[in-house]
Amino acid sequence: MNKQLRIIYISLVQSIISYGIYIWGCTYDIHLNNLKITHNKLIRFILRLPSCTNIISIYNELKIFNIDRLFK
């Protein structure tokens, strides 16, 4: 199940974030934080997890990158 959800994430979310990452990655932290919050909410929504779930463990489990690592 996680493999299918990872494919959905990569095709729907990561592709859009990667498209504008050079612009978003160089913006001010206040604007970047809004993007990070939205990104984390989308991951939790796709996985049908509660909002209090630790997002770092989700990144590791699905082997996906957060916004900062995508930019680097």
C-alpha atoms as a PDB file:
ATOM      1  CA  MET A   1       0.000   0.000   0.000  1.00  0.00           C
ATOM      2  CA  ASN A   2       2.813   2.434   0.822  1.00  0.00           C
ATOM      3  CA  LYS A   3       4.346   1.972  -2.613  1.00  0.00           C
ATOM      4  CA  GLN A   4       1.126   3.067  -4.305  1.00  0.00           C
ATOM      5  CA  LEU A   5       0.742   6.044  -1.989  1.00  0.00           C
ATOM      6  CA  ARG A   6       4.346   7.044  -2.673  1.00  0.00           C
ATOM      7  CA  ILE A   7       3.644   7.008  -6.415  1.00  0.00           C
ATOM      8  CA  ILE A   8       0.569   9.179  -5.882  1.00  0.00           C
ATOM      9  CA  TYR A   9       2.601  11.615  -3.788  1.00  0.00           C
ATOM     10  CA  ILE A  10       5.418  11.837  -6.346  1.00  0.00           C
ATOM     11  CA  SER A  11       3.076  12.322  -9.277  1.00  0.00           C
ATOM     12  CA  LEU A  12       0.713  14.837  -7.667  1.00  0.00           C
ATOM     13  CA  VAL A  13       2.631  16.731  -4.993  1.00  0.00           C
ATOM     14  CA  GLN A  14       6.373  16.418  -5.505  1.00  0.00           C
ATOM     15  CA  SER A  15       6.162  17.147  -9.225  1.00  0.00           C
ATOM     16  CA  ILE A  16       4.449  20.489  -8.570  1.00  0.00           C
ATOM     17  CA  ILE A  17       6.829  21.425  -5.767  1.00  0.00           C
ATOM     18  CA  SER A  18       9.860  20.458  -7.867  1.00  0.00           C
ATOM     19  CA  TYR A  19       8.612  22.646 -10.709  1.00  0.00           C
ATOM     20  CA  GLY A  20       8.951  25.825  -8.660  1.00  0.00           C
ATOM     21  CA  ILE A  21      11.550  24.787  -6.087  1.00  0.00           C
ATOM     22  CA  TYR A  22      14.265  27.159  -7.329  1.00  0.00           C
ATOM     23  CA  ILE A  23      11.955  30.113  -6.769  1.00  0.00           C
ATOM     24  CA  TRP A  24      10.349  28.837  -3.569  1.00  0.00           C
ATOM     25  CA  GLY A  25      13.648  27.641  -2.106  1.00  0.00           C
ATOM     26  CA  CYS A  26      15.175  31.118  -2.275  1.00  0.00           C
ATOM     27  CA  THR A  27      12.237  32.963  -0.756  1.00  0.00           C
ATOM     28  CA  TYR A  28      11.942  34.302   2.780  1.00  0.00           C
ATOM     29  CA  ASP A  29      11.405  31.806   5.568  1.00  0.00           C
ATOM     30  CA  ILE A  30       7.960  33.163   6.393  1.00  0.00           C
ATOM     31  CA  HIS A  31       6.714  32.287   2.903  1.00  0.00           C
ATOM     32  CA  LEU A  32       8.592  29.013   2.830  1.00  0.00           C
ATOM     33  CA  ASN A  33       6.998  27.938   6.125  1.00  0.00           C
ATOM     34  CA  ASN A  34       3.547  28.226   4.562  1.00  0.00           C
ATOM     35  CA  LEU A  35       4.661  25.921   1.763  1.00  0.00           C
ATOM     36  CA  LYS A  36       6.155  23.445   4.249  1.00  0.00           C
ATOM     37  CA  ILE A  37       2.930  23.350   6.270  1.00  0.00           C
ATOM     38  CA  THR A  38       0.862  22.741   3.150  1.00  0.00           C
ATOM     39  CA  HIS A  39       3.289  20.060   1.982  1.00  0.00           C
ATOM     40  CA  ASN A  40       3.079  18.223   5.311  1.00  0.00           C
ATOM     41  CA  LYS A  41      -0.720  18.448   5.359  1.00  0.00           C
ATOM     42  CA  LEU A  42      -0.909  16.980   1.858  1.00  0.00           C
ATOM     43  CA  ILE A  43       1.285  14.051   2.855  1.00  0.00           C
ATOM     44  CA  ARG A  44      -0.870  13.344   5.886  1.00  0.00           C
ATOM     45  CA  PHE A  45      -4.014  13.650   3.761  1.00  0.00           C
ATOM     46  CA  ILE A  46      -2.762  11.194   1.138  1.00  0.00           C
ATOM     47  CA  LEU A  47      -1.827   8.700   3.859  1.00  0.00           C
ATOM     48  CA  ARG A  48      -5.042   9.363   5.808  1.00  0.00           C
ATOM     49  CA  LEU A  49      -3.131  10.132   8.994  1.00  0.00           C
ATOM     50  CA  PRO A  50      -4.149  12.410  11.864  1.00  0.00           C
ATOM     51  CA  SER A  51      -2.653  15.878  11.945  1.00  0.00           C
ATOM     52  CA  CYS A  52      -0.604  15.112  15.064  1.00  0.00           C
ATOM     53  CA  THR A  53       1.424  12.379  13.326  1.00  0.00           C
ATOM     54  CA  ASN A  54       5.199  12.881  13.295  1.00  0.00           C
ATOM     55  CA  ILE A  55       6.043  13.926   9.747  1.00  0.00           C
ATOM     56  CA  ILE A  56       9.754  13.036   9.962  1.00  0.00           C
ATOM     57  CA  SER A  57       8.970   9.362  10.376  1.00  0.00           C
ATOM     58  CA  ILE A  58       6.671   9.559   7.356  1.00  0.00           C
ATOM     59  CA  TYR A  59       9.460  11.058   5.232  1.00  0.00           C
ATOM     60  CA  ASN A  60      11.779   8.231   6.268  1.00  0.00           C
ATOM     61  CA  GLU A  61       9.193   5.490   5.792  1.00  0.00           C
ATOM     62  CA  LEU A  62       8.213   6.585   2.285  1.00  0.00           C
ATOM     63  CA  LYS A  63      11.772   7.600   1.362  1.00  0.00           C
ATOM     64  CA  ILE A  64      10.735  11.061   0.218  1.00  0.00           C
ATOM     65  CA  PHE A  65      12.342  14.462   0.774  1.00  0.00           C
ATOM     66  CA  ASN A  66      11.110  17.511   2.599  1.00  0.00           C
ATOM     67  CA  ILE A  67      11.149  20.966   0.967  1.00  0.00           C
ATOM     68  CA  ASP A  68      14.652  21.805   2.191  1.00  0.00           C
ATOM     69  CA  ARG A  69      16.176  18.594   0.835  1.00  0.00           C
ATOM     70  CA  LEU A  70      14.357  18.984  -2.490  1.00  0.00           C
ATOM     71  CA  PHE A  71      15.929  22.415  -2.871  1.00  0.00           C
ATOM     72  CA  LYS A  72      19.446  21.201  -2.060  1.00  0.00           C
END
